[in-house]
Amino acid sequence: MKKLFCAAAAVAVALSVPTQAVAQLGGEATGGKAEGQWGGELGVGYSFRFGPISVRPIGGAFIYKGNNDRYYNQTMSNGETRCRDRSNGQFAKDAKCNDVAAMFYGKLEATVSIPMFAEVGVGGRFMDGEVRPYGLVSVPLAPKVRIVGAGGQEYFSLGVRLGF
């Protein structure tokens, strides 16, 4: 009981030390799996830092391969590749064969910095009408560059954060 009281007192003192809040703009580029799809995330947000604790709202897009099978690439006998429409056999614009889809997401993270080592925390990710909790760890690569890994139910990502 005495150890628990000492630990709680140490946390209370650490959190009560007056610190100036610092807000910083940043971005992320990660790859991973969300809602059963492999793809990449591009996001921007702010990091509000209060001593060793950071709160980070982030918004962005999850970019992945869509499931539109109507258009396909066909290689002709002369070696040229053209886009075709499966429904009528007609040639189509090449952009129609680019089967890229995107879903927007929002995240809210809370982390604690371990000086000169790493940052650990938890977050919630809202995408496609679902909120998924996850854990995260990031390690510094350079002063404003971090490698970050996150994972939770139906979500995993690994990538780079700039400026947070």
C-alpha atoms as a PDB file:
ATOM      1  CA  MET A   1       0.000   0.000   0.000  1.00  0.00           C
ATOM      2  CA  LYS A   2       2.868   2.337   0.825  1.00  0.00           C
ATOM      3  CA  LYS A   3       4.467   1.713  -2.600  1.00  0.00           C
ATOM      4  CA  LEU A   4       1.173   2.444  -4.367  1.00  0.00           C
ATOM      5  CA  PHE A   5       0.790   5.703  -2.414  1.00  0.00           C
ATOM      6  CA  CYS A   6       4.366   6.754  -3.290  1.00  0.00           C
ATOM      7  CA  ALA A   7       3.841   5.972  -6.979  1.00  0.00           C
ATOM      8  CA  ALA A   8       0.557   7.926  -7.042  1.00  0.00           C
ATOM      9  CA  ALA A   9       2.212  10.867  -5.287  1.00  0.00           C
ATOM     10  CA  ALA A  10       5.095  10.861  -7.788  1.00  0.00           C
ATOM     11  CA  VAL A  11       2.670  10.900 -10.729  1.00  0.00           C
ATOM     12  CA  ALA A  12       0.636  13.705  -9.134  1.00  0.00           C
ATOM     13  CA  VAL A  13       3.764  15.813  -8.571  1.00  0.00           C
ATOM     14  CA  ALA A  14       4.997  15.208 -12.128  1.00  0.00           C
ATOM     15  CA  LEU A  15       1.646  16.223 -13.598  1.00  0.00           C
ATOM     16  CA  SER A  16       1.237  19.275 -11.356  1.00  0.00           C
ATOM     17  CA  VAL A  17       4.533  20.879 -12.314  1.00  0.00           C
ATOM     18  CA  PRO A  18       3.567  23.951 -14.353  1.00  0.00           C
ATOM     19  CA  THR A  19       4.594  23.546 -17.957  1.00  0.00           C
ATOM     20  CA  GLN A  20       3.889  25.626 -20.981  1.00  0.00           C
ATOM     21  CA  ALA A  21       1.716  23.913 -23.566  1.00  0.00           C
ATOM     22  CA  VAL A  22       3.388  23.627 -26.953  1.00  0.00           C
ATOM     23  CA  ALA A  23       1.427  23.032 -30.171  1.00  0.00           C
ATOM     24  CA  GLN A  24       3.177  21.777 -33.257  1.00  0.00           C
ATOM     25  CA  LEU A  25       1.936  20.902 -36.757  1.00  0.00           C
ATOM     26  CA  GLY A  26       3.010  17.563 -38.167  1.00  0.00           C
ATOM     27  CA  GLY A  27       2.282  14.888 -40.709  1.00  0.00           C
ATOM     28  CA  GLU A  28       2.377  11.133 -41.060  1.00  0.00           C
ATOM     29  CA  ALA A  29       2.965   8.687 -43.874  1.00  0.00           C
ATOM     30  CA  THR A  30       2.358   5.075 -42.891  1.00  0.00           C
ATOM     31  CA  GLY A  31       1.529   1.792 -44.509  1.00  0.00           C
ATOM     32  CA  GLY A  32      -0.586  -0.909 -42.991  1.00  0.00           C
ATOM     33  CA  LYS A  33      -3.862  -2.734 -42.782  1.00  0.00           C
ATOM     34  CA  ALA A  34      -7.211  -1.251 -41.759  1.00  0.00           C
ATOM     35  CA  GLU A  35     -10.669  -2.808 -41.941  1.00  0.00           C
ATOM     36  CA  GLY A  36      -9.274  -5.780 -43.891  1.00  0.00           C
ATOM     37  CA  GLN A  37      -7.557  -3.664 -46.582  1.00  0.00           C
ATOM     38  CA  TRP A  38      -3.829  -3.094 -47.099  1.00  0.00           C
ATOM     39  CA  GLY A  39      -2.892   0.468 -48.007  1.00  0.00           C
ATOM     40  CA  GLY A  40      -1.218   3.681 -46.958  1.00  0.00           C
ATOM     41  CA  GLU A  41      -2.164   6.575 -44.692  1.00  0.00           C
ATOM     42  CA  LEU A  42      -1.374  10.221 -45.307  1.00  0.00           C
ATOM     43  CA  GLY A  43      -2.393  12.517 -42.468  1.00  0.00           C
ATOM     44  CA  VAL A  44      -1.826  15.896 -40.826  1.00  0.00           C
ATOM     45  CA  GLY A  45      -2.513  17.085 -37.317  1.00  0.00           C
ATOM     46  CA  TYR A  46      -1.405  19.022 -34.284  1.00  0.00           C
ATOM     47  CA  SER A  47       0.480  17.808 -31.256  1.00  0.00           C
ATOM     48  CA  PHE A  48      -0.347  19.616 -28.025  1.00  0.00           C
ATOM     49  CA  ARG A  49       2.426  18.884 -25.566  1.00  0.00           C
ATOM     50  CA  PHE A  50       2.183  19.405 -21.804  1.00  0.00           C
ATOM     51  CA  GLY A  51       5.568  18.370 -20.434  1.00  0.00           C
ATOM     52  CA  PRO A  52       6.043  14.667 -21.207  1.00  0.00           C
ATOM     53  CA  ILE A  53       2.387  14.194 -22.246  1.00  0.00           C
ATOM     54  CA  SER A  54       1.119  14.866 -25.773  1.00  0.00           C
ATOM     55  CA  VAL A  55      -2.418  14.932 -27.143  1.00  0.00           C
ATOM     56  CA  ARG A  56      -2.650  14.632 -30.908  1.00  0.00           C
ATOM     57  CA  PRO A  57      -5.718  15.023 -33.170  1.00  0.00           C
ATOM     58  CA  ILE A  58      -4.932  13.793 -36.708  1.00  0.00           C
ATOM     59  CA  GLY A  59      -6.972  13.653 -39.899  1.00  0.00           C
ATOM     60  CA  GLY A  60      -6.132  12.101 -43.233  1.00  0.00           C
ATOM     61  CA  ALA A  61      -6.875   9.575 -45.933  1.00  0.00           C
ATOM     62  CA  PHE A  62      -6.354   5.824 -46.069  1.00  0.00           C
ATOM     63  CA  ILE A  63      -5.487   5.002 -49.705  1.00  0.00           C
ATOM     64  CA  TYR A  64      -5.956   1.434 -50.916  1.00  0.00           C
ATOM     65  CA  LYS A  65      -6.730  -0.708 -53.969  1.00  0.00           C
ATOM     66  CA  GLY A  66     -10.439  -0.526 -54.705  1.00  0.00           C
ATOM     67  CA  ASN A  67     -12.621  -3.369 -55.913  1.00  0.00           C
ATOM     68  CA  ASN A  68     -13.884  -2.004 -59.244  1.00  0.00           C
ATOM     69  CA  ASP A  69     -13.464  -4.922 -61.657  1.00  0.00           C
ATOM     70  CA  ARG A  70     -15.234  -3.191 -64.548  1.00  0.00           C
ATOM     71  CA  TYR A  71     -11.991  -1.913 -66.121  1.00  0.00           C
ATOM     72  CA  TYR A  72      -8.811  -3.878 -66.840  1.00  0.00           C
ATOM     73  CA  ASN A  73      -5.510  -3.488 -68.687  1.00  0.00           C
ATOM     74  CA  GLN A  74      -5.020  -5.562 -71.836  1.00  0.00           C
ATOM     75  CA  THR A  75      -1.689  -5.984 -73.617  1.00  0.00           C
ATOM     76  CA  MET A  76      -2.116  -6.004 -77.411  1.00  0.00           C
ATOM     77  CA  SER A  77      -0.094  -8.081 -79.879  1.00  0.00           C
ATOM     78  CA  ASN A  78       2.140  -5.064 -80.610  1.00  0.00           C
ATOM     79  CA  GLY A  79       3.102  -4.806 -76.906  1.00  0.00           C
ATOM     80  CA  GLU A  80       0.932  -1.753 -76.196  1.00  0.00           C
ATOM     81  CA  THR A  81      -1.188  -1.858 -73.040  1.00  0.00           C
ATOM     82  CA  ARG A  82      -4.659  -0.310 -73.138  1.00  0.00           C
ATOM     83  CA  CYS A  83      -7.481   0.057 -70.670  1.00  0.00           C
ATOM     84  CA  ARG A  84     -10.737  -1.715 -71.554  1.00  0.00           C
ATOM     85  CA  ASP A  85     -14.272  -1.737 -70.199  1.00  0.00           C
ATOM     86  CA  ARG A  86     -15.398  -5.294 -69.313  1.00  0.00           C
ATOM     87  CA  SER A  87     -19.078  -4.443 -69.759  1.00  0.00           C
ATOM     88  CA  ASN A  88     -18.856  -3.518 -73.453  1.00  0.00           C
ATOM     89  CA  GLY A  89     -15.277  -4.313 -74.601  1.00  0.00           C
ATOM     90  CA  GLN A  90     -14.610  -0.686 -75.574  1.00  0.00           C
ATOM     91  CA  PHE A  91     -11.321   1.055 -74.917  1.00  0.00           C
ATOM     92  CA  ALA A  92     -11.436   3.410 -71.940  1.00  0.00           C
ATOM     93  CA  LYS A  93      -9.273   6.194 -70.549  1.00  0.00           C
ATOM     94  CA  ASP A  94      -6.184   4.870 -68.750  1.00  0.00           C
ATOM     95  CA  ALA A  95      -7.283   6.631 -65.548  1.00  0.00           C
ATOM     96  CA  LYS A  96     -10.280   4.275 -65.305  1.00  0.00           C
ATOM     97  CA  CYS A  97      -7.909   1.306 -64.873  1.00  0.00           C
ATOM     98  CA  ASN A  98      -6.297   3.030 -61.898  1.00  0.00           C
ATOM     99  CA  ASP A  99      -8.329   1.300 -59.214  1.00  0.00           C
ATOM    100  CA  VAL A 100      -7.374   3.507 -56.265  1.00  0.00           C
ATOM    101  CA  ALA A 101      -9.860   4.164 -53.465  1.00  0.00           C
ATOM    102  CA  ALA A 102      -9.626   6.331 -50.353  1.00  0.00           C
ATOM    103  CA  MET A 103     -11.418   6.570 -47.023  1.00  0.00           C
ATOM    104  CA  PHE A 104     -11.018   9.497 -44.687  1.00  0.00           C
ATOM    105  CA  TYR A 105     -10.039   8.896 -41.069  1.00  0.00           C
ATOM    106  CA  GLY A 106      -9.660  10.798 -37.839  1.00  0.00           C
ATOM    107  CA  LYS A 107      -7.434   9.867 -34.909  1.00  0.00           C
ATOM    108  CA  LEU A 108      -6.992  11.104 -31.377  1.00  0.00           C
ATOM    109  CA  GLU A 109      -3.839  10.010 -29.551  1.00  0.00           C
ATOM    110  CA  ALA A 110      -2.433  10.510 -26.065  1.00  0.00           C
ATOM    111  CA  THR A 111       1.235   9.684 -25.503  1.00  0.00           C
ATOM    112  CA  VAL A 112       3.956   9.896 -22.874  1.00  0.00           C
ATOM    113  CA  SER A 113       7.546  10.645 -23.864  1.00  0.00           C
ATOM    114  CA  ILE A 114      10.391   8.674 -22.392  1.00  0.00           C
ATOM    115  CA  PRO A 115      13.316  11.123 -22.892  1.00  0.00           C
ATOM    116  CA  MET A 116      16.030  10.070 -25.342  1.00  0.00           C
ATOM    117  CA  PHE A 117      14.259   6.764 -26.003  1.00  0.00           C
ATOM    118  CA  ALA A 118      10.654   6.520 -27.215  1.00  0.00           C
ATOM    119  CA  GLU A 119       7.093   7.689 -27.003  1.00  0.00           C
ATOM    120  CA  VAL A 120       4.303   5.297 -25.999  1.00  0.00           C
ATOM    121  CA  GLY A 121       0.574   5.827 -25.904  1.00  0.00           C
ATOM    122  CA  VAL A 122      -2.950   4.959 -26.911  1.00  0.00           C
ATOM    123  CA  GLY A 123      -5.315   6.256 -29.532  1.00  0.00           C
ATOM    124  CA  GLY A 124      -8.690   5.925 -31.140  1.00  0.00           C
ATOM    125  CA  ARG A 125      -9.165   5.827 -34.914  1.00  0.00           C
ATOM    126  CA  PHE A 126     -12.477   6.736 -36.568  1.00  0.00           C
ATOM    127  CA  MET A 127     -12.980   5.428 -40.104  1.00  0.00           C
ATOM    128  CA  ASP A 128     -15.966   4.079 -41.985  1.00  0.00           C
ATOM    129  CA  GLY A 129     -18.307   4.645 -39.033  1.00  0.00           C
ATOM    130  CA  GLU A 130     -16.199   2.654 -36.544  1.00  0.00           C
ATOM    131  CA  VAL A 131     -13.926   3.758 -33.705  1.00  0.00           C
ATOM    132  CA  ARG A 132     -11.014   1.382 -33.154  1.00  0.00           C
ATOM    133  CA  PRO A 133      -8.701   1.724 -30.124  1.00  0.00           C
ATOM    134  CA  TYR A 134      -4.991   1.080 -30.631  1.00  0.00           C
ATOM    135  CA  GLY A 135      -1.619   1.319 -28.945  1.00  0.00           C
ATOM    136  CA  LEU A 136       1.406   3.058 -30.419  1.00  0.00           C
ATOM    137  CA  VAL A 137       5.161   3.345 -30.023  1.00  0.00           C
ATOM    138  CA  SER A 138       7.452   5.794 -31.775  1.00  0.00           C
ATOM    139  CA  VAL A 139      11.215   6.220 -31.701  1.00  0.00           C
ATOM    140  CA  PRO A 140      13.205   9.225 -32.911  1.00  0.00           C
ATOM    141  CA  LEU A 141      15.139   8.940 -36.143  1.00  0.00           C
ATOM    142  CA  ALA A 142      16.130  12.632 -36.325  1.00  0.00           C
ATOM    143  CA  PRO A 143      15.063  15.747 -34.341  1.00  0.00           C
ATOM    144  CA  LYS A 144      11.690  16.101 -36.119  1.00  0.00           C
ATOM    145  CA  VAL A 145      11.419  12.621 -37.666  1.00  0.00           C
ATOM    146  CA  ARG A 146      10.057   9.543 -35.874  1.00  0.00           C
ATOM    147  CA  ILE A 147       9.397   5.938 -36.827  1.00  0.00           C
ATOM    148  CA  VAL A 148       5.938   5.023 -35.532  1.00  0.00           C
ATOM    149  CA  GLY A 149       4.133   1.713 -35.173  1.00  0.00           C
ATOM    150  CA  ALA A 150       0.500   1.347 -34.131  1.00  0.00           C
ATOM    151  CA  GLY A 151      -1.782  -1.618 -33.723  1.00  0.00           C
ATOM    152  CA  GLY A 152      -5.179  -2.616 -32.450  1.00  0.00           C
ATOM    153  CA  GLN A 153      -8.363  -4.419 -33.473  1.00  0.00           C
ATOM    154  CA  GLU A 154      -8.473  -4.563 -37.307  1.00  0.00           C
ATOM    155  CA  TYR A 155      -5.720  -1.935 -37.535  1.00  0.00           C
ATOM    156  CA  PHE A 156      -1.943  -2.032 -37.916  1.00  0.00           C
ATOM    157  CA  SER A 157       0.428   0.594 -39.330  1.00  0.00           C
ATOM    158  CA  LEU A 158       4.133   1.345 -39.550  1.00  0.00           C
ATOM    159  CA  GLY A 159       5.676   4.487 -40.961  1.00  0.00           C
ATOM    160  CA  VAL A 160       7.163   7.928 -40.473  1.00  0.00           C
ATOM    161  CA  ARG A 161       5.966  11.043 -38.642  1.00  0.00           C
ATOM    162  CA  LEU A 162       7.359  14.474 -39.374  1.00  0.00           C
ATOM    163  CA  GLY A 163       7.310  17.473 -37.055  1.00  0.00           C
ATOM    164  CA  PHE A 164       5.264  16.169 -34.103  1.00  0.00           C
END
